[in-house]
Amino acid sequence: MPLAQDGNSNFDGRDLLTGRNAFSAPPFVNMDLRVARTWVVRERFKIQGLFEFFNLLNNGNPAAIQSNQSVVGFGTISQRLPGREGQVGLKFEF
């Protein structure tokens, strides 16, 4: 299949002057934690308490990066994932 020039010196949307893997994204660091404890009330009835934390280290991980090369802010982070979040749960088994 022949390459087609798309009007801005690129072929099939790819800049041939830029090498492969020439750009790198910011680091993504994530740690989740779950703590659970089960109590047996009767032989067939159990209660489980849950504590869950997401993004425990509270890093500002990128969700979207500006990928349009014609924009001035190319390669900058345009959206971030939420910071530290937690939840508490109670589970009944019978």
PDB file of N, CA and C in Angstrom:
ATOM      1  N   MET A   1       0.856  -1.176   0.000  1.00  0.00           N
ATOM      2  CA  MET A   1       0.000   0.000   0.000  1.00  0.00           C
ATOM      3  C   MET A   1       0.903   1.241   0.000  1.00  0.00           C
ATOM      4  N   PRO A   2       0.769   2.121  -0.993  1.00  0.00           N
ATOM      5  CA  PRO A   2       1.620   3.316  -1.056  1.00  0.00           C
ATOM      6  C   PRO A   2       1.217   4.358  -0.005  1.00  0.00           C
ATOM      7  N   LEU A   3       2.222   5.118   0.445  1.00  0.00           N
ATOM      8  CA  LEU A   3       1.974   6.200   1.397  1.00  0.00           C
ATOM      9  C   LEU A   3       1.400   7.400   0.669  1.00  0.00           C
ATOM     10  N   ALA A   4       0.469   8.093   1.270  1.00  0.00           N
ATOM     11  CA  ALA A   4      -0.158   9.264   0.662  1.00  0.00           C
ATOM     12  C   ALA A   4       0.174  10.494   1.474  1.00  0.00           C
ATOM     13  N   GLN A   5       0.645  11.547   0.768  1.00  0.00           N
ATOM     14  CA  GLN A   5       0.945  12.790   1.465  1.00  0.00           C
ATOM     15  C   GLN A   5      -0.373  13.493   1.782  1.00  0.00           C
ATOM     16  N   ASP A   6      -0.514  13.985   3.028  1.00  0.00           N
ATOM     17  CA  ASP A   6      -1.795  14.551   3.447  1.00  0.00           C
ATOM     18  C   ASP A   6      -1.831  16.077   3.437  1.00  0.00           C
ATOM     19  N   GLY A   7      -0.923  16.747   2.775  1.00  0.00           N
ATOM     20  CA  GLY A   7      -1.017  18.188   2.602  1.00  0.00           C
ATOM     21  C   GLY A   7      -0.114  19.003   3.504  1.00  0.00           C
ATOM     22  N   ASN A   8       0.441  18.438   4.555  1.00  0.00           N
ATOM     23  CA  ASN A   8       1.330  19.203   5.431  1.00  0.00           C
ATOM     24  C   ASN A   8       2.672  18.495   5.627  1.00  0.00           C
ATOM     25  N   SER A   9       3.162  17.878   4.571  1.00  0.00           N
ATOM     26  CA  SER A   9       4.439  17.165   4.549  1.00  0.00           C
ATOM     27  C   SER A   9       4.449  15.927   5.425  1.00  0.00           C
ATOM     28  N   ASN A  10       3.306  15.478   5.861  1.00  0.00           N
ATOM     29  CA  ASN A  10       3.204  14.230   6.609  1.00  0.00           C
ATOM     30  C   ASN A  10       2.637  13.158   5.693  1.00  0.00           C
ATOM     31  N   PHE A  11       2.971  11.933   5.964  1.00  0.00           N
ATOM     32  CA  PHE A  11       2.447  10.828   5.189  1.00  0.00           C
ATOM     33  C   PHE A  11       1.536   9.989   6.080  1.00  0.00           C
ATOM     34  N   ASP A  12       0.289   9.866   5.678  1.00  0.00           N
ATOM     35  CA  ASP A  12      -0.716   9.108   6.432  1.00  0.00           C
ATOM     36  C   ASP A  12      -0.810   9.572   7.882  1.00  0.00           C
ATOM     37  N   GLY A  13      -0.685  10.870   8.125  1.00  0.00           N
ATOM     38  CA  GLY A  13      -0.815  11.421   9.458  1.00  0.00           C
ATOM     39  C   GLY A  13       0.413  11.257  10.335  1.00  0.00           C
ATOM     40  N   ARG A  14       1.521  10.770   9.780  1.00  0.00           N
ATOM     41  CA  ARG A  14       2.722  10.524  10.577  1.00  0.00           C
ATOM     42  C   ARG A  14       3.855  11.396  10.051  1.00  0.00           C
ATOM     43  N   ASP A  15       4.532  12.074  10.962  1.00  0.00           N
ATOM     44  CA  ASP A  15       5.680  12.907  10.615  1.00  0.00           C
ATOM     45  C   ASP A  15       6.890  11.999  10.448  1.00  0.00           C
ATOM     46  N   LEU A  16       7.447  11.937   9.230  1.00  0.00           N
ATOM     47  CA  LEU A  16       8.562  11.033   8.971  1.00  0.00           C
ATOM     48  C   LEU A  16       9.882  11.550   9.528  1.00  0.00           C
ATOM     49  N   LEU A  17       9.944  12.832   9.933  1.00  0.00           N
ATOM     50  CA  LEU A  17      11.177  13.382  10.491  1.00  0.00           C
ATOM     51  C   LEU A  17      11.344  13.037  11.964  1.00  0.00           C
ATOM     52  N   THR A  18      10.256  12.728  12.630  1.00  0.00           N
ATOM     53  CA  THR A  18      10.309  12.382  14.046  1.00  0.00           C
ATOM     54  C   THR A  18      10.497  10.882  14.176  1.00  0.00           C
ATOM     55  N   GLY A  19      11.461  10.492  14.980  1.00  0.00           N
ATOM     56  CA  GLY A  19      11.744   9.077  15.163  1.00  0.00           C
ATOM     57  C   GLY A  19      10.663   8.376  15.964  1.00  0.00           C
ATOM     58  N   ARG A  20      10.710   7.082  15.918  1.00  0.00           N
ATOM     59  CA  ARG A  20       9.740   6.277  16.654  1.00  0.00           C
ATOM     60  C   ARG A  20      10.010   6.391  18.150  1.00  0.00           C
ATOM     61  N   ASN A  21       8.954   6.503  18.948  1.00  0.00           N
ATOM     62  CA  ASN A  21       9.038   6.639  20.404  1.00  0.00           C
ATOM     63  C   ASN A  21       9.878   7.846  20.817  1.00  0.00           C
ATOM     64  N   ALA A  22       9.763   8.944  20.079  1.00  0.00           N
ATOM     65  CA  ALA A  22      10.542  10.143  20.377  1.00  0.00           C
ATOM     66  C   ALA A  22       9.958  10.920  21.552  1.00  0.00           C
ATOM     67  N   PHE A  23       8.717  10.690  21.888  1.00  0.00           N
ATOM     68  CA  PHE A  23       8.062  11.424  22.965  1.00  0.00           C
ATOM     69  C   PHE A  23       7.733  10.457  24.098  1.00  0.00           C
ATOM     70  N   SER A  24       7.750  10.958  25.298  1.00  0.00           N
ATOM     71  CA  SER A  24       7.368  10.119  26.438  1.00  0.00           C
ATOM     72  C   SER A  24       6.347  10.867  27.286  1.00  0.00           C
ATOM     73  N   ALA A  25       5.463  10.117  27.885  1.00  0.00           N
ATOM     74  CA  ALA A  25       4.425  10.695  28.731  1.00  0.00           C
ATOM     75  C   ALA A  25       4.962  10.878  30.148  1.00  0.00           C
ATOM     76  N   PRO A  26       4.327  11.734  30.929  1.00  0.00           N
ATOM     77  CA  PRO A  26       4.717  11.877  32.335  1.00  0.00           C
ATOM     78  C   PRO A  26       4.505  10.559  33.077  1.00  0.00           C
ATOM     79  N   PRO A  27       5.192  10.351  34.186  1.00  0.00           N
ATOM     80  CA  PRO A  27       5.046   9.072  34.901  1.00  0.00           C
ATOM     81  C   PRO A  27       3.654   8.899  35.501  1.00  0.00           C
ATOM     82  N   PHE A  28       3.233   7.663  35.562  1.00  0.00           N
ATOM     83  CA  PHE A  28       1.945   7.297  36.144  1.00  0.00           C
ATOM     84  C   PHE A  28       2.238   6.397  37.344  1.00  0.00           C
ATOM     85  N   VAL A  29       1.947   6.891  38.545  1.00  0.00           N
ATOM     86  CA  VAL A  29       2.204   6.135  39.776  1.00  0.00           C
ATOM     87  C   VAL A  29       0.884   5.985  40.513  1.00  0.00           C
ATOM     88  N   ASN A  30       0.545   4.741  40.865  1.00  0.00           N
ATOM     89  CA  ASN A  30      -0.732   4.497  41.514  1.00  0.00           C
ATOM     90  C   ASN A  30      -0.569   3.390  42.547  1.00  0.00           C
ATOM     91  N   MET A  31      -1.193   3.575  43.709  1.00  0.00           N
ATOM     92  CA  MET A  31      -1.227   2.527  44.725  1.00  0.00           C
ATOM     93  C   MET A  31      -2.612   2.513  45.363  1.00  0.00           C
ATOM     94  N   ASP A  32      -3.246   1.345  45.330  1.00  0.00           N
ATOM     95  CA  ASP A  32      -4.553   1.161  45.949  1.00  0.00           C
ATOM     96  C   ASP A  32      -4.391   0.241  47.152  1.00  0.00           C
ATOM     97  N   LEU A  33      -5.234   0.421  48.158  1.00  0.00           N
ATOM     98  CA  LEU A  33      -5.156  -0.362  49.381  1.00  0.00           C
ATOM     99  C   LEU A  33      -6.554  -0.786  49.788  1.00  0.00           C
ATOM    100  N   ARG A  34      -6.669  -2.042  50.200  1.00  0.00           N
ATOM    101  CA  ARG A  34      -7.954  -2.552  50.689  1.00  0.00           C
ATOM    102  C   ARG A  34      -7.697  -3.337  51.969  1.00  0.00           C
ATOM    103  N   VAL A  35      -8.450  -3.022  52.997  1.00  0.00           N
ATOM    104  CA  VAL A  35      -8.368  -3.715  54.272  1.00  0.00           C
ATOM    105  C   VAL A  35      -9.759  -4.265  54.561  1.00  0.00           C
ATOM    106  N   ALA A  36      -9.827  -5.554  54.867  1.00  0.00           N
ATOM    107  CA  ALA A  36     -11.113  -6.197  55.128  1.00  0.00           C
ATOM    108  C   ALA A  36     -11.003  -7.060  56.376  1.00  0.00           C
ATOM    109  N   ARG A  37     -12.083  -7.122  57.099  1.00  0.00           N
ATOM    110  CA  ARG A  37     -12.157  -7.939  58.317  1.00  0.00           C
ATOM    111  C   ARG A  37     -13.518  -8.614  58.325  1.00  0.00           C
ATOM    112  N   THR A  38     -13.524  -9.922  58.576  1.00  0.00           N
ATOM    113  CA  THR A  38     -14.759 -10.697  58.595  1.00  0.00           C
ATOM    114  C   THR A  38     -15.054 -11.171  60.011  1.00  0.00           C
ATOM    115  N   TRP A  39     -16.296 -10.978  60.435  1.00  0.00           N
ATOM    116  CA  TRP A  39     -16.764 -11.452  61.733  1.00  0.00           C
ATOM    117  C   TRP A  39     -17.842 -12.497  61.481  1.00  0.00           C
ATOM    118  N   VAL A  40     -17.714 -13.637  62.166  1.00  0.00           N
ATOM    119  CA  VAL A  40     -18.712 -14.699  62.061  1.00  0.00           C
ATOM    120  C   VAL A  40     -19.700 -14.518  63.210  1.00  0.00           C
ATOM    121  N   VAL A  41     -20.960 -14.224  62.879  1.00  0.00           N
ATOM    122  CA  VAL A  41     -21.998 -14.018  63.881  1.00  0.00           C
ATOM    123  C   VAL A  41     -22.596 -15.364  64.280  1.00  0.00           C
ATOM    124  N   ARG A  42     -22.945 -16.158  63.301  1.00  0.00           N
ATOM    125  CA  ARG A  42     -23.411 -17.527  63.488  1.00  0.00           C
ATOM    126  C   ARG A  42     -22.750 -18.363  62.416  1.00  0.00           C
ATOM    127  N   GLU A  43     -23.049 -19.618  62.433  1.00  0.00           N
ATOM    128  CA  GLU A  43     -22.389 -20.519  61.488  1.00  0.00           C
ATOM    129  C   GLU A  43     -22.624 -20.112  60.033  1.00  0.00           C
ATOM    130  N   ARG A  44     -23.808 -19.611  59.730  1.00  0.00           N
ATOM    131  CA  ARG A  44     -24.148 -19.275  58.342  1.00  0.00           C
ATOM    132  C   ARG A  44     -24.324 -17.781  58.116  1.00  0.00           C
ATOM    133  N   PHE A  45     -23.915 -16.954  59.050  1.00  0.00           N
ATOM    134  CA  PHE A  45     -24.104 -15.510  58.917  1.00  0.00           C
ATOM    135  C   PHE A  45     -22.793 -14.803  59.240  1.00  0.00           C
ATOM    136  N   LYS A  46     -22.283 -14.019  58.265  1.00  0.00           N
ATOM    137  CA  LYS A  46     -21.008 -13.319  58.424  1.00  0.00           C
ATOM    138  C   LYS A  46     -21.183 -11.850  58.061  1.00  0.00           C
ATOM    139  N   ILE A  47     -20.417 -11.014  58.703  1.00  0.00           N
ATOM    140  CA  ILE A  47     -20.375  -9.579  58.382  1.00  0.00           C
ATOM    141  C   ILE A  47     -18.930  -9.238  58.051  1.00  0.00           C
ATOM    142  N   GLN A  48     -18.750  -8.518  56.954  1.00  0.00           N
ATOM    143  CA  GLN A  48     -17.403  -8.120  56.531  1.00  0.00           C
ATOM    144  C   GLN A  48     -17.335  -6.602  56.434  1.00  0.00           C
ATOM    145  N   GLY A  49     -16.353  -6.024  57.102  1.00  0.00           N
ATOM    146  CA  GLY A  49     -16.105  -4.586  57.003  1.00  0.00           C
ATOM    147  C   GLY A  49     -14.974  -4.317  56.028  1.00  0.00           C
ATOM    148  N   LEU A  50     -15.139  -3.309  55.178  1.00  0.00           N
ATOM    149  CA  LEU A  50     -14.155  -2.990  54.134  1.00  0.00           C
ATOM    150  C   LEU A  50     -13.737  -1.527  54.223  1.00  0.00           C
ATOM    151  N   PHE A  51     -12.459  -1.286  54.075  1.00  0.00           N
ATOM    152  CA  PHE A  51     -11.909   0.063  53.919  1.00  0.00           C
ATOM    153  C   PHE A  51     -11.054   0.036  52.668  1.00  0.00           C
ATOM    154  N   GLU A  52     -11.372   0.890  51.702  1.00  0.00           N
ATOM    155  CA  GLU A  52     -10.629   0.927  50.442  1.00  0.00           C
ATOM    156  C   GLU A  52     -10.146   2.347  50.175  1.00  0.00           C
ATOM    157  N   PHE A  53      -8.922   2.447  49.712  1.00  0.00           N
ATOM    158  CA  PHE A  53      -8.336   3.730  49.338  1.00  0.00           C
ATOM    159  C   PHE A  53      -7.752   3.601  47.940  1.00  0.00           C
ATOM    160  N   PHE A  54      -8.016   4.586  47.115  1.00  0.00           N
ATOM    161  CA  PHE A  54      -7.521   4.611  45.740  1.00  0.00           C
ATOM    162  C   PHE A  54      -6.578   5.799  45.595  1.00  0.00           C
ATOM    163  N   ASN A  55      -5.500   5.605  44.849  1.00  0.00           N
ATOM    164  CA  ASN A  55      -4.446   6.608  44.676  1.00  0.00           C
ATOM    165  C   ASN A  55      -3.934   7.049  46.056  1.00  0.00           C
ATOM    166  N   LEU A  56      -3.510   6.088  46.817  1.00  0.00           N
ATOM    167  CA  LEU A  56      -3.104   6.302  48.200  1.00  0.00           C
ATOM    168  C   LEU A  56      -1.975   7.325  48.324  1.00  0.00           C
ATOM    169  N   LEU A  57      -1.079   7.378  47.347  1.00  0.00           N
ATOM    170  CA  LEU A  57       0.048   8.310  47.390  1.00  0.00           C
ATOM    171  C   LEU A  57      -0.329   9.716  46.937  1.00  0.00           C
ATOM    172  N   ASN A  58      -1.572   9.893  46.486  1.00  0.00           N
ATOM    173  CA  ASN A  58      -2.116  11.189  46.077  1.00  0.00           C
ATOM    174  C   ASN A  58      -1.299  11.854  44.968  1.00  0.00           C
ATOM    175  N   ASN A  59      -0.907  11.084  43.962  1.00  0.00           N
ATOM    176  CA  ASN A  59      -0.183  11.634  42.818  1.00  0.00           C
ATOM    177  C   ASN A  59      -1.156  12.229  41.807  1.00  0.00           C
ATOM    178  N   GLY A  60      -0.730  13.273  41.129  1.00  0.00           N
ATOM    179  CA  GLY A  60      -1.534  13.877  40.075  1.00  0.00           C
ATOM    180  C   GLY A  60      -1.270  13.179  38.756  1.00  0.00           C
ATOM    181  N   ASN A  61      -1.854  11.997  38.570  1.00  0.00           N
ATOM    182  CA  ASN A  61      -1.614  11.197  37.373  1.00  0.00           C
ATOM    183  C   ASN A  61      -2.340  11.778  36.166  1.00  0.00           C
ATOM    184  N   PRO A  62      -1.690  11.754  34.998  1.00  0.00           N
ATOM    185  CA  PRO A  62      -2.323  12.322  33.802  1.00  0.00           C
ATOM    186  C   PRO A  62      -3.455  11.442  33.285  1.00  0.00           C
ATOM    187  N   ALA A  63      -4.553  12.093  32.888  1.00  0.00           N
ATOM    188  CA  ALA A  63      -5.673  11.390  32.265  1.00  0.00           C
ATOM    189  C   ALA A  63      -5.688  11.665  30.759  1.00  0.00           C
ATOM    190  N   ALA A  64      -5.247  12.853  30.355  1.00  0.00           N
ATOM    191  CA  ALA A  64      -5.212  13.215  28.935  1.00  0.00           C
ATOM    192  C   ALA A  64      -4.017  14.125  28.698  1.00  0.00           C
ATOM    193  N   ILE A  65      -3.352  13.905  27.583  1.00  0.00           N
ATOM    194  CA  ILE A  65      -2.177  14.687  27.204  1.00  0.00           C
ATOM    195  C   ILE A  65      -2.453  15.306  25.838  1.00  0.00           C
ATOM    196  N   GLN A  66      -2.093  16.579  25.690  1.00  0.00           N
ATOM    197  CA  GLN A  66      -2.294  17.270  24.413  1.00  0.00           C
ATOM    198  C   GLN A  66      -1.459  16.576  23.345  1.00  0.00           C
ATOM    199  N   SER A  67      -2.123  15.958  22.371  1.00  0.00           N
ATOM    200  CA  SER A  67      -1.411  15.178  21.360  1.00  0.00           C
ATOM    201  C   SER A  67      -1.396  15.828  19.982  1.00  0.00           C
ATOM    202  N   ASN A  68      -2.006  16.998  19.849  1.00  0.00           N
ATOM    203  CA  ASN A  68      -2.024  17.697  18.573  1.00  0.00           C
ATOM    204  C   ASN A  68      -0.727  18.499  18.427  1.00  0.00           C
ATOM    205  N   GLN A  69       0.126  18.131  17.477  1.00  0.00           N
ATOM    206  CA  GLN A  69       1.436  18.770  17.323  1.00  0.00           C
ATOM    207  C   GLN A  69       1.345  20.213  16.862  1.00  0.00           C
ATOM    208  N   SER A  70       0.228  20.608  16.288  1.00  0.00           N
ATOM    209  CA  SER A  70       0.110  21.978  15.797  1.00  0.00           C
ATOM    210  C   SER A  70      -0.270  22.965  16.901  1.00  0.00           C
ATOM    211  N   VAL A  71      -0.607  22.481  18.095  1.00  0.00           N
ATOM    212  CA  VAL A  71      -0.978  23.335  19.220  1.00  0.00           C
ATOM    213  C   VAL A  71       0.275  23.667  20.018  1.00  0.00           C
ATOM    214  N   VAL A  72       0.321  24.882  20.578  1.00  0.00           N
ATOM    215  CA  VAL A  72       1.499  25.338  21.309  1.00  0.00           C
ATOM    216  C   VAL A  72       1.798  24.446  22.511  1.00  0.00           C
ATOM    217  N   GLY A  73       0.798  23.962  23.200  1.00  0.00           N
ATOM    218  CA  GLY A  73       1.008  23.167  24.402  1.00  0.00           C
ATOM    219  C   GLY A  73       1.170  21.682  24.138  1.00  0.00           C
ATOM    220  N   PHE A  74       1.754  21.296  23.014  1.00  0.00           N
ATOM    221  CA  PHE A  74       1.898  19.886  22.666  1.00  0.00           C
ATOM    222  C   PHE A  74       2.669  19.146  23.765  1.00  0.00           C
ATOM    223  N   GLY A  75       2.135  18.010  24.200  1.00  0.00           N
ATOM    224  CA  GLY A  75       2.793  17.179  25.204  1.00  0.00           C
ATOM    225  C   GLY A  75       2.493  17.564  26.633  1.00  0.00           C
ATOM    226  N   THR A  76       1.693  18.610  26.847  1.00  0.00           N
ATOM    227  CA  THR A  76       1.365  19.005  28.214  1.00  0.00           C
ATOM    228  C   THR A  76       0.118  18.253  28.688  1.00  0.00           C
ATOM    229  N   ILE A  77      -0.034  18.153  29.986  1.00  0.00           N
ATOM    230  CA  ILE A  77      -1.171  17.442  30.574  1.00  0.00           C
ATOM    231  C   ILE A  77      -2.401  18.349  30.516  1.00  0.00           C
ATOM    232  N   SER A  78      -3.478  17.848  29.918  1.00  0.00           N
ATOM    233  CA  SER A  78      -4.693  18.649  29.816  1.00  0.00           C
ATOM    234  C   SER A  78      -5.757  18.207  30.820  1.00  0.00           C
ATOM    235  N   GLN A  79      -5.640  17.004  31.367  1.00  0.00           N
ATOM    236  CA  GLN A  79      -6.562  16.511  32.394  1.00  0.00           C
ATOM    237  C   GLN A  79      -5.802  15.604  33.344  1.00  0.00           C
ATOM    238  N   ARG A  80      -6.211  15.618  34.617  1.00  0.00           N
ATOM    239  CA  ARG A  80      -5.600  14.742  35.618  1.00  0.00           C
ATOM    240  C   ARG A  80      -6.673  13.853  36.244  1.00  0.00           C
ATOM    241  N   LEU A  81      -6.254  12.669  36.678  1.00  0.00           N
ATOM    242  CA  LEU A  81      -7.151  11.769  37.393  1.00  0.00           C
ATOM    243  C   LEU A  81      -7.368  12.292  38.804  1.00  0.00           C
ATOM    244  N   PRO A  82      -8.447  11.883  39.462  1.00  0.00           N
ATOM    245  CA  PRO A  82      -8.714  12.385  40.815  1.00  0.00           C
ATOM    246  C   PRO A  82      -7.616  11.988  41.796  1.00  0.00           C
ATOM    247  N   GLY A  83      -7.484  12.772  42.859  1.00  0.00           N
ATOM    248  CA  GLY A  83      -6.499  12.482  43.899  1.00  0.00           C
ATOM    249  C   GLY A  83      -6.964  11.342  44.787  1.00  0.00           C
ATOM    250  N   ARG A  84      -6.468  11.323  45.992  1.00  0.00           N
ATOM    251  CA  ARG A  84      -6.787  10.242  46.926  1.00  0.00           C
ATOM    252  C   ARG A  84      -8.286  10.181  47.187  1.00  0.00           C
ATOM    253  N   GLU A  85      -8.829   8.971  47.120  1.00  0.00           N
ATOM    254  CA  GLU A  85     -10.233   8.733  47.408  1.00  0.00           C
ATOM    255  C   GLU A  85     -10.339   7.493  48.286  1.00  0.00           C
ATOM    256  N   GLY A  86     -11.394   7.426  49.080  1.00  0.00           N
ATOM    257  CA  GLY A  86     -11.594   6.269  49.944  1.00  0.00           C
ATOM    258  C   GLY A  86     -13.062   5.932  50.060  1.00  0.00           C
ATOM    259  N   GLN A  87     -13.313   4.709  50.469  1.00  0.00           N
ATOM    260  CA  GLN A  87     -14.689   4.286  50.693  1.00  0.00           C
ATOM    261  C   GLN A  87     -14.726   3.224  51.789  1.00  0.00           C
ATOM    262  N   VAL A  88     -15.847   3.175  52.454  1.00  0.00           N
ATOM    263  CA  VAL A  88     -16.076   2.239  53.548  1.00  0.00           C
ATOM    264  C   VAL A  88     -17.281   1.387  53.165  1.00  0.00           C
ATOM    265  N   GLY A  89     -17.216   0.100  53.417  1.00  0.00           N
ATOM    266  CA  GLY A  89     -18.327  -0.768  53.058  1.00  0.00           C
ATOM    267  C   GLY A  89     -18.605  -1.806  54.126  1.00  0.00           C
ATOM    268  N   LEU A  90     -19.797  -2.309  54.094  1.00  0.00           N
ATOM    269  CA  LEU A  90     -20.235  -3.367  54.998  1.00  0.00           C
ATOM    270  C   LEU A  90     -20.938  -4.425  54.155  1.00  0.00           C
ATOM    271  N   LYS A  91     -20.508  -5.665  54.299  1.00  0.00           N
ATOM    272  CA  LYS A  91     -21.039  -6.748  53.466  1.00  0.00           C
ATOM    273  C   LYS A  91     -21.623  -7.827  54.385  1.00  0.00           C
ATOM    274  N   PHE A  92     -22.840  -8.242  54.082  1.00  0.00           N
ATOM    275  CA  PHE A  92     -23.519  -9.286  54.845  1.00  0.00           C
ATOM    276  C   PHE A  92     -23.571 -10.547  54.003  1.00  0.00           C
ATOM    277  N   GLU A  93     -23.139 -11.660  54.577  1.00  0.00           N
ATOM    278  CA  GLU A  93     -23.210 -12.950  53.896  1.00  0.00           C
ATOM    279  C   GLU A  93     -24.097 -13.889  54.703  1.00  0.00           C
ATOM    280  N   PHE A  94     -25.038 -14.550  54.031  1.00  0.00           N
ATOM    281  CA  PHE A  94     -25.902 -15.493  54.717  1.00  0.00           C
ATOM    282  C   PHE A  94     -26.261 -16.630  53.786  1.00  0.00           C
TER     283      PHE A  94
END
